[in-house]
Amino acid sequence: MNINLISDTVTRPTSGMLKAMMNAEVGDDVFKADPSVNALENKVAELFGREASLFFPSGTMTNQTAIKLHTNPGDQLICDKYAHVYNYEGGGVSFNSGVSCKLVDGHRGMMTAEQVEAAINPPDFYHSPLTSLVCIENTTNKGGGACWDFDELKRIGSVCKKHNLGYHLDGARLWNALVAKNESAKQYGAIFDTISVCLSKGMGCPVGSVLVGSKANIDKALRIRKILGGGMRQAGYLAAAGSYALDHHMHRLAEDHQKAKEIGEVLQGLPYIKKVEPIETNIIIFEIDESRLSGEQFVQKLGENNIYIIGMGQGKLRIVTHMDYTAAMHESFLNILKRL
């Protein structure tokens, strides 16, 4: 039995999802003539209470498109030092948009409204980059699947309005936050200018992300997607998977969260585990006591038992639960951990 806990992107479509994909009505989406893509875009826009949305092949492309929407070359965006747009998108902020990042030293990937306001460059001081955008990531990947406090997000939104800044949410795992905190997509749609959501993470789809916003912004995003090479033809087979996931897979995310908490409890009881970050959703980030066992040795020992996890750098290891991680796998993994 192979147990892959590297990411929640390793899942395969369920039989129901495959059936929906194979039965999808398709057309050429580059001409906006794919009914299944159009249906998904309408579904997501309505879910967030916004005018429009646009289907993309990846979450990185949705984020990069949003950044280009809100900025001009030479501008600067504000984000936490853990932010995905800064750490894990290949330097696309600078390559695609000619923009730099002002990094904020937040807590587990989350910053405060006061920190954001303090990071804004004076707009009339032309020696420094013009601040034009604030980027948020919820849940925070490097922060261990942490969920933002919604009131703090509203306060940051007020700062953005006060200073005429764009406000973008990298909501790659926003579905997890909605389930964990019993929040609604419309709450988020009301405060952000643009939102990126991923369907290939906890939702179990093989491919796909969606950018949500005003019709004006999504019309501009269509041109940027074209420039980045993101136009797809009969993409309805993929979009049908997204629609199916939204109908059938969101509420089951609570199962992933519960399994993650149970893994965390076992890890905390092991003598060679130095620290386990608080667990709110489906990500467990922890550190090994290097005086007893190196992180590399721990990963290797798990690999010898056909269990696969990933390192995050700086001595941190990551486990991610997902819909293909079954109850039998969970029981086996906990037993192996206890006797490792």
C-alpha atoms as a PDB file:
ATOM      1  CA  MET A   1       0.000   0.000   0.000  1.00  0.00           C
ATOM      2  CA  ASN A   2       1.516   3.330  -1.123  1.00  0.00           C
ATOM      3  CA  ILE A   3       0.464   6.290   1.017  1.00  0.00           C
ATOM      4  CA  ASN A   4       1.150   9.586  -0.747  1.00  0.00           C
ATOM      5  CA  LEU A   5       0.847  12.555   1.605  1.00  0.00           C
ATOM      6  CA  ILE A   6       3.049  14.923  -0.399  1.00  0.00           C
ATOM      7  CA  SER A   7       0.119  17.120  -1.423  1.00  0.00           C
ATOM      8  CA  ASP A   8      -3.634  17.209  -1.947  1.00  0.00           C
ATOM      9  CA  THR A   9      -2.874  17.533  -5.674  1.00  0.00           C
ATOM     10  CA  VAL A  10      -2.023  13.820  -6.029  1.00  0.00           C
ATOM     11  CA  THR A  11      -5.654  12.670  -6.129  1.00  0.00           C
ATOM     12  CA  ARG A  12      -7.323  10.957  -9.075  1.00  0.00           C
ATOM     13  CA  PRO A  13     -10.878  11.586 -10.286  1.00  0.00           C
ATOM     14  CA  THR A  14     -13.590   9.535  -8.611  1.00  0.00           C
ATOM     15  CA  SER A  15     -15.822   7.333 -10.723  1.00  0.00           C
ATOM     16  CA  GLY A  16     -18.597   9.927 -10.464  1.00  0.00           C
ATOM     17  CA  MET A  17     -16.255  12.692 -11.580  1.00  0.00           C
ATOM     18  CA  LEU A  18     -14.975  10.607 -14.500  1.00  0.00           C
ATOM     19  CA  LYS A  19     -18.534   9.948 -15.609  1.00  0.00           C
ATOM     20  CA  ALA A  20     -19.309  13.679 -15.483  1.00  0.00           C
ATOM     21  CA  MET A  21     -16.163  14.407 -17.507  1.00  0.00           C
ATOM     22  CA  MET A  22     -16.925  11.812 -20.175  1.00  0.00           C
ATOM     23  CA  ASN A  23     -20.519  13.032 -20.512  1.00  0.00           C
ATOM     24  CA  ALA A  24     -19.534  16.707 -20.753  1.00  0.00           C
ATOM     25  CA  GLU A  25     -20.885  18.794 -23.602  1.00  0.00           C
ATOM     26  CA  VAL A  26     -17.912  20.611 -25.117  1.00  0.00           C
ATOM     27  CA  GLY A  27     -16.995  23.279 -27.640  1.00  0.00           C
ATOM     28  CA  ASP A  28     -14.043  25.559 -28.342  1.00  0.00           C
ATOM     29  CA  ASP A  29     -13.461  27.602 -25.209  1.00  0.00           C
ATOM     30  CA  VAL A  30     -10.998  29.944 -26.943  1.00  0.00           C
ATOM     31  CA  PHE A  31     -14.099  31.185 -28.771  1.00  0.00           C
ATOM     32  CA  LYS A  32     -16.025  31.019 -25.439  1.00  0.00           C
ATOM     33  CA  ALA A  33     -18.147  28.282 -27.030  1.00  0.00           C
ATOM     34  CA  ASP A  34     -17.673  25.459 -24.529  1.00  0.00           C
ATOM     35  CA  PRO A  35     -20.946  25.068 -22.593  1.00  0.00           C
ATOM     36  CA  SER A  36     -19.352  23.101 -19.745  1.00  0.00           C
ATOM     37  CA  VAL A  37     -16.689  25.775 -19.179  1.00  0.00           C
ATOM     38  CA  ASN A  38     -19.309  28.508 -19.353  1.00  0.00           C
ATOM     39  CA  ALA A  39     -21.443  26.611 -16.828  1.00  0.00           C
ATOM     40  CA  LEU A  40     -18.513  26.272 -14.394  1.00  0.00           C
ATOM     41  CA  GLU A  41     -17.605  29.947 -14.727  1.00  0.00           C
ATOM     42  CA  ASN A  42     -21.201  30.993 -14.077  1.00  0.00           C
ATOM     43  CA  LYS A  43     -21.412  28.597 -11.125  1.00  0.00           C
ATOM     44  CA  VAL A  44     -18.262  29.954  -9.449  1.00  0.00           C
ATOM     45  CA  ALA A  45     -19.175  33.595 -10.091  1.00  0.00           C
ATOM     46  CA  GLU A  46     -22.607  33.028  -8.548  1.00  0.00           C
ATOM     47  CA  LEU A  47     -21.075  31.176  -5.605  1.00  0.00           C
ATOM     48  CA  PHE A  48     -18.981  34.244  -4.751  1.00  0.00           C
ATOM     49  CA  GLY A  49     -21.705  36.739  -5.624  1.00  0.00           C
ATOM     50  CA  ARG A  50     -19.583  38.292  -8.372  1.00  0.00           C
ATOM     51  CA  GLU A  51     -20.236  39.215 -11.990  1.00  0.00           C
ATOM     52  CA  ALA A  52     -17.855  36.858 -13.749  1.00  0.00           C
ATOM     53  CA  SER A  53     -15.112  34.259 -13.517  1.00  0.00           C
ATOM     54  CA  LEU A  54     -12.580  32.660 -15.865  1.00  0.00           C
ATOM     55  CA  PHE A  55     -11.271  29.077 -16.021  1.00  0.00           C
ATOM     56  CA  PHE A  56      -7.487  28.584 -16.018  1.00  0.00           C
ATOM     57  CA  PRO A  57      -5.173  25.572 -16.300  1.00  0.00           C
ATOM     58  CA  SER A  58      -3.341  26.413 -13.045  1.00  0.00           C
ATOM     59  CA  GLY A  59      -3.513  28.402  -9.848  1.00  0.00           C
ATOM     60  CA  THR A  60      -0.172  30.034 -10.569  1.00  0.00           C
ATOM     61  CA  MET A  61      -1.574  31.412 -13.823  1.00  0.00           C
ATOM     62  CA  THR A  62      -4.675  32.765 -12.067  1.00  0.00           C
ATOM     63  CA  ASN A  63      -2.523  34.547  -9.488  1.00  0.00           C
ATOM     64  CA  GLN A  64      -0.117  35.875 -12.093  1.00  0.00           C
ATOM     65  CA  THR A  65      -3.021  37.148 -14.169  1.00  0.00           C
ATOM     66  CA  ALA A  66      -4.543  38.907 -11.161  1.00  0.00           C
ATOM     67  CA  ILE A  67      -1.221  40.546 -10.300  1.00  0.00           C
ATOM     68  CA  LYS A  68      -0.867  41.809 -13.871  1.00  0.00           C
ATOM     69  CA  LEU A  69      -4.449  43.109 -13.731  1.00  0.00           C
ATOM     70  CA  HIS A  70      -3.812  45.251 -10.679  1.00  0.00           C
ATOM     71  CA  THR A  71      -0.293  46.552 -11.335  1.00  0.00           C
ATOM     72  CA  ASN A  72       2.022  48.280 -13.790  1.00  0.00           C
ATOM     73  CA  PRO A  73       5.733  47.483 -14.305  1.00  0.00           C
ATOM     74  CA  GLY A  74       7.793  49.036 -11.521  1.00  0.00           C
ATOM     75  CA  ASP A  75       4.966  48.796  -8.972  1.00  0.00           C
ATOM     76  CA  GLN A  76       5.159  46.879  -5.717  1.00  0.00           C
ATOM     77  CA  LEU A  77       2.733  44.481  -4.050  1.00  0.00           C
ATOM     78  CA  ILE A  78       2.476  43.721  -0.343  1.00  0.00           C
ATOM     79  CA  CYS A  79       2.320  40.117   0.860  1.00  0.00           C
ATOM     80  CA  ASP A  80       3.405  37.997   3.797  1.00  0.00           C
ATOM     81  CA  LYS A  81       6.894  36.501   3.642  1.00  0.00           C
ATOM     82  CA  TYR A  82       5.299  33.015   3.391  1.00  0.00           C
ATOM     83  CA  ALA A  83       3.061  33.955   0.440  1.00  0.00           C
ATOM     84  CA  HIS A  84       2.792  31.504  -2.443  1.00  0.00           C
ATOM     85  CA  VAL A  85       3.007  34.310  -5.023  1.00  0.00           C
ATOM     86  CA  TYR A  86       6.468  35.165  -3.669  1.00  0.00           C
ATOM     87  CA  ASN A  87       7.883  31.740  -2.757  1.00  0.00           C
ATOM     88  CA  TYR A  88       6.425  29.214  -5.188  1.00  0.00           C
ATOM     89  CA  GLU A  89       5.531  30.848  -8.486  1.00  0.00           C
ATOM     90  CA  GLY A  90       8.953  30.832 -10.108  1.00  0.00           C
ATOM     91  CA  GLY A  91       9.564  34.567  -9.768  1.00  0.00           C
ATOM     92  CA  GLY A  92       6.570  35.216 -11.998  1.00  0.00           C
ATOM     93  CA  VAL A  93       5.726  38.437 -10.144  1.00  0.00           C
ATOM     94  CA  SER A  94       8.866  40.049 -11.561  1.00  0.00           C
ATOM     95  CA  PHE A  95       9.015  38.113 -14.857  1.00  0.00           C
ATOM     96  CA  ASN A  96       5.401  38.553 -15.921  1.00  0.00           C
ATOM     97  CA  SER A  97       4.506  41.902 -14.389  1.00  0.00           C
ATOM     98  CA  GLY A  98       7.796  43.656 -13.587  1.00  0.00           C
ATOM     99  CA  VAL A  99       6.617  44.014  -9.992  1.00  0.00           C
ATOM    100  CA  SER A 100       8.507  43.648  -6.703  1.00  0.00           C
ATOM    101  CA  CYS A 101       7.201  42.310  -3.384  1.00  0.00           C
ATOM    102  CA  LYS A 102       7.248  44.133  -0.037  1.00  0.00           C
ATOM    103  CA  LEU A 103       7.388  41.235   2.420  1.00  0.00           C
ATOM    104  CA  VAL A 104       5.640  41.461   5.769  1.00  0.00           C
ATOM    105  CA  ASP A 105       6.803  39.419   8.759  1.00  0.00           C
ATOM    106  CA  GLY A 106       3.416  38.028   9.751  1.00  0.00           C
ATOM    107  CA  HIS A 107       2.348  35.049  11.839  1.00  0.00           C
ATOM    108  CA  ARG A 108       2.113  31.722   9.985  1.00  0.00           C
ATOM    109  CA  GLY A 109       1.589  33.529   6.700  1.00  0.00           C
ATOM    110  CA  MET A 110      -0.950  36.024   8.062  1.00  0.00           C
ATOM    111  CA  MET A 111      -0.362  39.755   8.523  1.00  0.00           C
ATOM    112  CA  THR A 112      -2.400  42.449  10.237  1.00  0.00           C
ATOM    113  CA  ALA A 113      -4.044  45.547   8.793  1.00  0.00           C
ATOM    114  CA  GLU A 114      -1.569  47.665  10.774  1.00  0.00           C
ATOM    115  CA  GLN A 115       1.357  45.820   9.200  1.00  0.00           C
ATOM    116  CA  VAL A 116      -0.118  46.260   5.732  1.00  0.00           C
ATOM    117  CA  GLU A 117      -0.665  49.980   6.200  1.00  0.00           C
ATOM    118  CA  ALA A 118       2.880  50.426   7.529  1.00  0.00           C
ATOM    119  CA  ALA A 119       4.264  48.659   4.428  1.00  0.00           C
ATOM    120  CA  ILE A 120       2.650  51.057   1.927  1.00  0.00           C
ATOM    121  CA  ASN A 121       5.161  53.345   0.229  1.00  0.00           C
ATOM    122  CA  PRO A 122       4.202  57.053   0.135  1.00  0.00           C
ATOM    123  CA  PRO A 123       2.630  57.523  -3.311  1.00  0.00           C
ATOM    124  CA  ASP A 124       4.249  60.934  -3.868  1.00  0.00           C
ATOM    125  CA  PHE A 125       7.768  59.636  -3.021  1.00  0.00           C
ATOM    126  CA  TYR A 126       8.867  58.656  -6.507  1.00  0.00           C
ATOM    127  CA  HIS A 127      12.162  57.144  -5.298  1.00  0.00           C
ATOM    128  CA  SER A 128      10.346  54.076  -3.984  1.00  0.00           C
ATOM    129  CA  PRO A 129       8.100  51.678  -5.952  1.00  0.00           C
ATOM    130  CA  LEU A 130       4.438  52.598  -6.137  1.00  0.00           C
ATOM    131  CA  THR A 131       2.403  50.273  -3.926  1.00  0.00           C
ATOM    132  CA  SER A 132      -0.602  49.116  -5.923  1.00  0.00           C
ATOM    133  CA  LEU A 133      -1.734  45.703  -4.618  1.00  0.00           C
ATOM    134  CA  VAL A 134      -2.127  43.584  -1.487  1.00  0.00           C
ATOM    135  CA  CYS A 135      -2.077  39.783  -1.884  1.00  0.00           C
ATOM    136  CA  ILE A 136      -3.522  37.413   0.726  1.00  0.00           C
ATOM    137  CA  GLU A 137      -3.246  33.591   0.829  1.00  0.00           C
ATOM    138  CA  ASN A 138      -5.998  31.629   2.603  1.00  0.00           C
ATOM    139  CA  THR A 139      -5.382  28.987   3.789  1.00  0.00           C
ATOM    140  CA  THR A 140      -1.662  29.585   4.158  1.00  0.00           C
ATOM    141  CA  ASN A 141       0.370  26.743   2.675  1.00  0.00           C
ATOM    142  CA  LYS A 142       3.706  27.451   4.338  1.00  0.00           C
ATOM    143  CA  GLY A 143       1.836  28.487   7.488  1.00  0.00           C
ATOM    144  CA  GLY A 144       0.436  24.973   7.876  1.00  0.00           C
ATOM    145  CA  GLY A 145      -3.061  25.368   6.449  1.00  0.00           C
ATOM    146  CA  ALA A 146      -3.863  28.261   8.784  1.00  0.00           C
ATOM    147  CA  CYS A 147      -7.141  30.152   8.290  1.00  0.00           C
ATOM    148  CA  TRP A 148      -7.260  33.944   8.421  1.00  0.00           C
ATOM    149  CA  ASP A 149      -9.546  35.753  10.815  1.00  0.00           C
ATOM    150  CA  PHE A 150     -12.244  37.197   8.549  1.00  0.00           C
ATOM    151  CA  ASP A 151     -12.525  40.427  10.542  1.00  0.00           C
ATOM    152  CA  GLU A 152      -8.811  41.031   9.934  1.00  0.00           C
ATOM    153  CA  LEU A 153      -9.345  40.477   6.204  1.00  0.00           C
ATOM    154  CA  LYS A 154     -12.103  43.112   6.288  1.00  0.00           C
ATOM    155  CA  ARG A 155      -9.776  45.529   8.093  1.00  0.00           C
ATOM    156  CA  ILE A 156      -7.091  44.981   5.445  1.00  0.00           C
ATOM    157  CA  GLY A 157      -9.747  45.559   2.791  1.00  0.00           C
ATOM    158  CA  SER A 158     -10.537  48.923   4.401  1.00  0.00           C
ATOM    159  CA  VAL A 159      -6.840  49.830   4.256  1.00  0.00           C
ATOM    160  CA  CYS A 160      -6.792  48.945   0.565  1.00  0.00           C
ATOM    161  CA  LYS A 161      -9.820  51.153  -0.141  1.00  0.00           C
ATOM    162  CA  LYS A 162      -8.330  54.021   1.859  1.00  0.00           C
ATOM    163  CA  HIS A 163      -5.103  53.900  -0.170  1.00  0.00           C
ATOM    164  CA  ASN A 164      -6.646  52.917  -3.518  1.00  0.00           C
ATOM    165  CA  LEU A 165      -4.900  49.530  -3.650  1.00  0.00           C
ATOM    166  CA  GLY A 166      -6.025  46.364  -5.391  1.00  0.00           C
ATOM    167  CA  TYR A 167      -6.931  43.452  -3.100  1.00  0.00           C
ATOM    168  CA  HIS A 168      -6.325  39.910  -4.355  1.00  0.00           C
ATOM    169  CA  LEU A 169      -6.981  36.606  -2.594  1.00  0.00           C
ATOM    170  CA  ASP A 170      -4.932  33.559  -3.488  1.00  0.00           C
ATOM    171  CA  GLY A 171      -7.629  31.150  -2.370  1.00  0.00           C
ATOM    172  CA  ALA A 172      -5.984  27.962  -3.597  1.00  0.00           C
ATOM    173  CA  ARG A 173      -7.296  26.197  -0.487  1.00  0.00           C
ATOM    174  CA  LEU A 174     -10.082  28.629   0.335  1.00  0.00           C
ATOM    175  CA  TRP A 175     -12.555  25.733   0.223  1.00  0.00           C
ATOM    176  CA  ASN A 176     -10.786  24.279   3.274  1.00  0.00           C
ATOM    177  CA  ALA A 177     -11.113  27.569   5.146  1.00  0.00           C
ATOM    178  CA  LEU A 178     -14.813  27.869   4.288  1.00  0.00           C
ATOM    179  CA  VAL A 179     -15.493  24.399   5.696  1.00  0.00           C
ATOM    180  CA  ALA A 180     -13.236  24.744   8.738  1.00  0.00           C
ATOM    181  CA  LYS A 181     -14.663  28.121   9.788  1.00  0.00           C
ATOM    182  CA  ASN A 182     -18.224  27.704   8.501  1.00  0.00           C
ATOM    183  CA  GLU A 183     -17.863  30.759   6.257  1.00  0.00           C
ATOM    184  CA  SER A 184     -19.435  31.467   2.872  1.00  0.00           C
ATOM    185  CA  ALA A 185     -17.862  32.234  -0.483  1.00  0.00           C
ATOM    186  CA  LYS A 186     -20.073  35.332  -0.763  1.00  0.00           C
ATOM    187  CA  GLN A 187     -18.393  36.807   2.333  1.00  0.00           C
ATOM    188  CA  TYR A 188     -15.091  36.720   0.472  1.00  0.00           C
ATOM    189  CA  GLY A 189     -16.567  37.862  -2.818  1.00  0.00           C
ATOM    190  CA  ALA A 190     -17.809  41.005  -1.064  1.00  0.00           C
ATOM    191  CA  ILE A 191     -14.398  42.239   0.076  1.00  0.00           C
ATOM    192  CA  PHE A 192     -11.818  41.163  -2.536  1.00  0.00           C
ATOM    193  CA  ASP A 193     -11.335  42.638  -6.006  1.00  0.00           C
ATOM    194  CA  THR A 194     -10.181  39.299  -7.395  1.00  0.00           C
ATOM    195  CA  ILE A 195     -10.118  35.770  -5.992  1.00  0.00           C
ATOM    196  CA  SER A 196      -8.254  32.736  -7.292  1.00  0.00           C
ATOM    197  CA  VAL A 197      -9.619  29.313  -6.316  1.00  0.00           C
ATOM    198  CA  CYS A 198      -8.079  25.937  -7.122  1.00  0.00           C
ATOM    199  CA  LEU A 199     -10.060  22.833  -8.088  1.00  0.00           C
ATOM    200  CA  SER A 200      -7.111  20.412  -8.307  1.00  0.00           C
ATOM    201  CA  LYS A 201      -6.177  20.590  -4.626  1.00  0.00           C
ATOM    202  CA  GLY A 202      -8.606  19.323  -1.964  1.00  0.00           C
ATOM    203  CA  MET A 203     -11.503  19.186  -4.432  1.00  0.00           C
ATOM    204  CA  GLY A 204     -10.020  16.245  -6.341  1.00  0.00           C
ATOM    205  CA  CYS A 205     -10.023  17.578  -9.912  1.00  0.00           C
ATOM    206  CA  PRO A 206      -7.214  16.633 -12.310  1.00  0.00           C
ATOM    207  CA  VAL A 207      -6.650  20.222 -13.530  1.00  0.00           C
ATOM    208  CA  GLY A 208      -8.014  23.703 -13.091  1.00  0.00           C
ATOM    209  CA  SER A 209      -8.373  26.981 -11.220  1.00  0.00           C
ATOM    210  CA  VAL A 210     -10.810  29.862 -11.541  1.00  0.00           C
ATOM    211  CA  LEU A 211     -10.326  33.629 -11.235  1.00  0.00           C
ATOM    212  CA  VAL A 212     -13.351  35.520  -9.893  1.00  0.00           C
ATOM    213  CA  GLY A 213     -14.090  39.246 -10.055  1.00  0.00           C
ATOM    214  CA  SER A 214     -15.939  42.057 -11.790  1.00  0.00           C
ATOM    215  CA  LYS A 215     -16.858  41.719 -15.465  1.00  0.00           C
ATOM    216  CA  ALA A 216     -14.381  44.482 -16.316  1.00  0.00           C
ATOM    217  CA  ASN A 217     -11.506  42.678 -14.561  1.00  0.00           C
ATOM    218  CA  ILE A 218     -12.403  39.279 -16.015  1.00  0.00           C
ATOM    219  CA  ASP A 219     -12.597  40.784 -19.533  1.00  0.00           C
ATOM    220  CA  LYS A 220      -9.029  42.057 -19.013  1.00  0.00           C
ATOM    221  CA  ALA A 221      -8.022  38.704 -17.528  1.00  0.00           C
ATOM    222  CA  LEU A 222      -9.138  36.952 -20.723  1.00  0.00           C
ATOM    223  CA  ARG A 223      -6.561  38.924 -22.711  1.00  0.00           C
ATOM    224  CA  ILE A 224      -3.824  38.279 -20.127  1.00  0.00           C
ATOM    225  CA  ARG A 225      -4.647  34.552 -20.081  1.00  0.00           C
ATOM    226  CA  LYS A 226      -4.204  34.547 -23.866  1.00  0.00           C
ATOM    227  CA  ILE A 227      -0.803  36.253 -23.565  1.00  0.00           C
ATOM    228  CA  LEU A 228       0.306  33.702 -20.959  1.00  0.00           C
ATOM    229  CA  GLY A 229      -0.788  30.819 -23.196  1.00  0.00           C
ATOM    230  CA  GLY A 230      -3.685  29.720 -21.019  1.00  0.00           C
ATOM    231  CA  GLY A 231      -6.370  29.388 -23.674  1.00  0.00           C
ATOM    232  CA  MET A 232      -7.659  25.814 -24.006  1.00  0.00           C
ATOM    233  CA  ARG A 233      -9.966  24.311 -26.615  1.00  0.00           C
ATOM    234  CA  GLN A 234     -12.398  21.559 -25.528  1.00  0.00           C
ATOM    235  CA  ALA A 235     -11.685  22.314 -21.884  1.00  0.00           C
ATOM    236  CA  GLY A 236     -15.208  21.325 -20.870  1.00  0.00           C
ATOM    237  CA  TYR A 237     -14.027  17.834 -19.965  1.00  0.00           C
ATOM    238  CA  LEU A 238     -11.926  19.488 -17.227  1.00  0.00           C
ATOM    239  CA  ALA A 239     -14.541  22.077 -16.299  1.00  0.00           C
ATOM    240  CA  ALA A 240     -17.130  19.321 -15.810  1.00  0.00           C
ATOM    241  CA  ALA A 241     -14.839  17.846 -13.156  1.00  0.00           C
ATOM    242  CA  GLY A 242     -14.840  21.220 -11.394  1.00  0.00           C
ATOM    243  CA  SER A 243     -18.613  21.511 -11.424  1.00  0.00           C
ATOM    244  CA  TYR A 244     -18.913  17.956 -10.095  1.00  0.00           C
ATOM    245  CA  ALA A 245     -16.410  18.687  -7.308  1.00  0.00           C
ATOM    246  CA  LEU A 246     -18.274  21.796  -6.190  1.00  0.00           C
ATOM    247  CA  ASP A 247     -21.482  19.770  -5.973  1.00  0.00           C
ATOM    248  CA  HIS A 248     -20.059  16.654  -4.298  1.00  0.00           C
ATOM    249  CA  HIS A 249     -16.633  17.162  -2.720  1.00  0.00           C
ATOM    250  CA  MET A 250     -16.611  20.337  -0.677  1.00  0.00           C
ATOM    251  CA  HIS A 251     -18.260  19.195   2.552  1.00  0.00           C
ATOM    252  CA  ARG A 252     -16.106  16.069   2.733  1.00  0.00           C
ATOM    253  CA  LEU A 253     -13.057  18.314   3.314  1.00  0.00           C
ATOM    254  CA  ALA A 254     -13.946  18.102   7.018  1.00  0.00           C
ATOM    255  CA  GLU A 255     -12.818  14.430   6.897  1.00  0.00           C
ATOM    256  CA  ASP A 256      -9.368  15.524   5.716  1.00  0.00           C
ATOM    257  CA  HIS A 257      -9.183  18.071   8.519  1.00  0.00           C
ATOM    258  CA  GLN A 258     -10.058  15.473  11.146  1.00  0.00           C
ATOM    259  CA  LYS A 259      -7.440  13.013   9.867  1.00  0.00           C
ATOM    260  CA  ALA A 260      -4.827  15.782   9.891  1.00  0.00           C
ATOM    261  CA  LYS A 261      -5.610  16.581  13.532  1.00  0.00           C
ATOM    262  CA  GLU A 262      -5.284  12.893  14.453  1.00  0.00           C
ATOM    263  CA  ILE A 263      -1.897  12.673  12.715  1.00  0.00           C
ATOM    264  CA  GLY A 264      -0.800  15.783  14.605  1.00  0.00           C
ATOM    265  CA  GLU A 265      -1.785  14.240  17.926  1.00  0.00           C
ATOM    266  CA  VAL A 266       0.364  11.164  17.228  1.00  0.00           C
ATOM    267  CA  LEU A 267       3.312  13.288  16.062  1.00  0.00           C
ATOM    268  CA  GLN A 268       3.188  15.378  19.244  1.00  0.00           C
ATOM    269  CA  GLY A 269       3.568  12.222  21.325  1.00  0.00           C
ATOM    270  CA  LEU A 270       6.762  11.080  19.559  1.00  0.00           C
ATOM    271  CA  PRO A 271      10.082  11.810  21.320  1.00  0.00           C
ATOM    272  CA  TYR A 272      11.928  12.893  18.156  1.00  0.00           C
ATOM    273  CA  ILE A 273       9.341  15.488  17.092  1.00  0.00           C
ATOM    274  CA  LYS A 274      10.433  18.975  18.115  1.00  0.00           C
ATOM    275  CA  LYS A 275       7.318  20.956  17.168  1.00  0.00           C
ATOM    276  CA  VAL A 276       3.966  20.544  15.414  1.00  0.00           C
ATOM    277  CA  GLU A 277       2.276  23.676  14.090  1.00  0.00           C
ATOM    278  CA  PRO A 278      -1.384  24.157  15.094  1.00  0.00           C
ATOM    279  CA  ILE A 279      -3.647  22.191  12.720  1.00  0.00           C
ATOM    280  CA  GLU A 280      -6.840  23.783  11.409  1.00  0.00           C
ATOM    281  CA  THR A 281      -7.296  22.180   8.004  1.00  0.00           C
ATOM    282  CA  ASN A 282      -5.538  19.459   5.978  1.00  0.00           C
ATOM    283  CA  ILE A 283      -1.872  20.508   6.292  1.00  0.00           C
ATOM    284  CA  ILE A 284       0.500  19.390   9.044  1.00  0.00           C
ATOM    285  CA  ILE A 285       3.842  21.170   9.310  1.00  0.00           C
ATOM    286  CA  PHE A 286       6.284  19.873  11.899  1.00  0.00           C
ATOM    287  CA  GLU A 287       9.950  19.869  12.855  1.00  0.00           C
ATOM    288  CA  ILE A 288      12.247  16.986  13.814  1.00  0.00           C
ATOM    289  CA  ASP A 289      14.558  17.085  16.823  1.00  0.00           C
ATOM    290  CA  GLU A 290      17.800  16.894  14.812  1.00  0.00           C
ATOM    291  CA  SER A 291      19.737  15.718  17.878  1.00  0.00           C
ATOM    292  CA  ARG A 292      17.789  12.452  17.677  1.00  0.00           C
ATOM    293  CA  LEU A 293      16.992  12.060  13.989  1.00  0.00           C
ATOM    294  CA  SER A 294      17.493  14.171  10.867  1.00  0.00           C
ATOM    295  CA  GLY A 295      14.590  15.235   8.714  1.00  0.00           C
ATOM    296  CA  GLU A 296      16.135  13.372   5.786  1.00  0.00           C
ATOM    297  CA  GLN A 297      16.333  10.177   7.846  1.00  0.00           C
ATOM    298  CA  PHE A 298      12.701  10.544   8.897  1.00  0.00           C
ATOM    299  CA  VAL A 299      11.534  11.002   5.292  1.00  0.00           C
ATOM    300  CA  GLN A 300      13.692   8.040   4.239  1.00  0.00           C
ATOM    301  CA  LYS A 301      12.283   5.790   6.980  1.00  0.00           C
ATOM    302  CA  LEU A 302       8.747   6.667   5.925  1.00  0.00           C
ATOM    303  CA  GLY A 303       9.692   5.964   2.299  1.00  0.00           C
ATOM    304  CA  GLU A 304      10.889   2.511   3.298  1.00  0.00           C
ATOM    305  CA  ASN A 305       7.332   1.941   4.539  1.00  0.00           C
ATOM    306  CA  ASN A 306       5.861   3.285   1.250  1.00  0.00           C
ATOM    307  CA  ILE A 307       4.770   6.547   2.878  1.00  0.00           C
ATOM    308  CA  TYR A 308       5.716   9.746   1.095  1.00  0.00           C
ATOM    309  CA  ILE A 309       5.851  13.281   2.509  1.00  0.00           C
ATOM    310  CA  ILE A 310       7.732  16.446   1.550  1.00  0.00           C
ATOM    311  CA  GLY A 311      10.229  18.890   3.077  1.00  0.00           C
ATOM    312  CA  MET A 312       9.418  22.614   3.157  1.00  0.00           C
ATOM    313  CA  GLY A 313      12.949  23.836   3.844  1.00  0.00           C
ATOM    314  CA  GLN A 314      14.316  25.415   7.027  1.00  0.00           C
ATOM    315  CA  GLY A 315      13.927  22.089   8.859  1.00  0.00           C
ATOM    316  CA  LYS A 316      10.172  21.898   8.313  1.00  0.00           C
ATOM    317  CA  LEU A 317       8.362  18.808   6.982  1.00  0.00           C
ATOM    318  CA  ARG A 318       4.838  18.718   5.544  1.00  0.00           C
ATOM    319  CA  ILE A 319       2.022  16.171   5.446  1.00  0.00           C
ATOM    320  CA  VAL A 320      -1.169  16.889   3.492  1.00  0.00           C
ATOM    321  CA  THR A 321      -4.326  14.798   3.811  1.00  0.00           C
ATOM    322  CA  HIS A 322      -6.726  14.434   0.873  1.00  0.00           C
ATOM    323  CA  MET A 323      -9.672  12.476  -0.513  1.00  0.00           C
ATOM    324  CA  ASP A 324      -7.543   9.570  -1.783  1.00  0.00           C
ATOM    325  CA  TYR A 325      -6.094   9.060   1.712  1.00  0.00           C
ATOM    326  CA  THR A 326      -8.463   6.366   2.934  1.00  0.00           C
ATOM    327  CA  ALA A 327      -9.434   5.280   6.446  1.00  0.00           C
ATOM    328  CA  ALA A 328      -7.338   2.110   5.984  1.00  0.00           C
ATOM    329  CA  MET A 329      -4.321   4.179   4.939  1.00  0.00           C
ATOM    330  CA  HIS A 330      -4.870   6.473   7.907  1.00  0.00           C
ATOM    331  CA  GLU A 331      -4.903   3.603  10.392  1.00  0.00           C
ATOM    332  CA  SER A 332      -1.802   2.069   8.809  1.00  0.00           C
ATOM    333  CA  PHE A 333       0.079   5.378   8.834  1.00  0.00           C
ATOM    334  CA  LEU A 334      -0.699   6.102  12.490  1.00  0.00           C
ATOM    335  CA  ASN A 335       0.486   2.610  13.473  1.00  0.00           C
ATOM    336  CA  ILE A 336       3.714   2.970  11.492  1.00  0.00           C
ATOM    337  CA  LEU A 337       4.385   6.378  13.074  1.00  0.00           C
ATOM    338  CA  LYS A 338       3.936   4.955  16.576  1.00  0.00           C
ATOM    339  CA  ARG A 339       6.474   2.190  16.015  1.00  0.00           C
ATOM    340  CA  LEU A 340       8.928   4.009  13.741  1.00  0.00           C
END
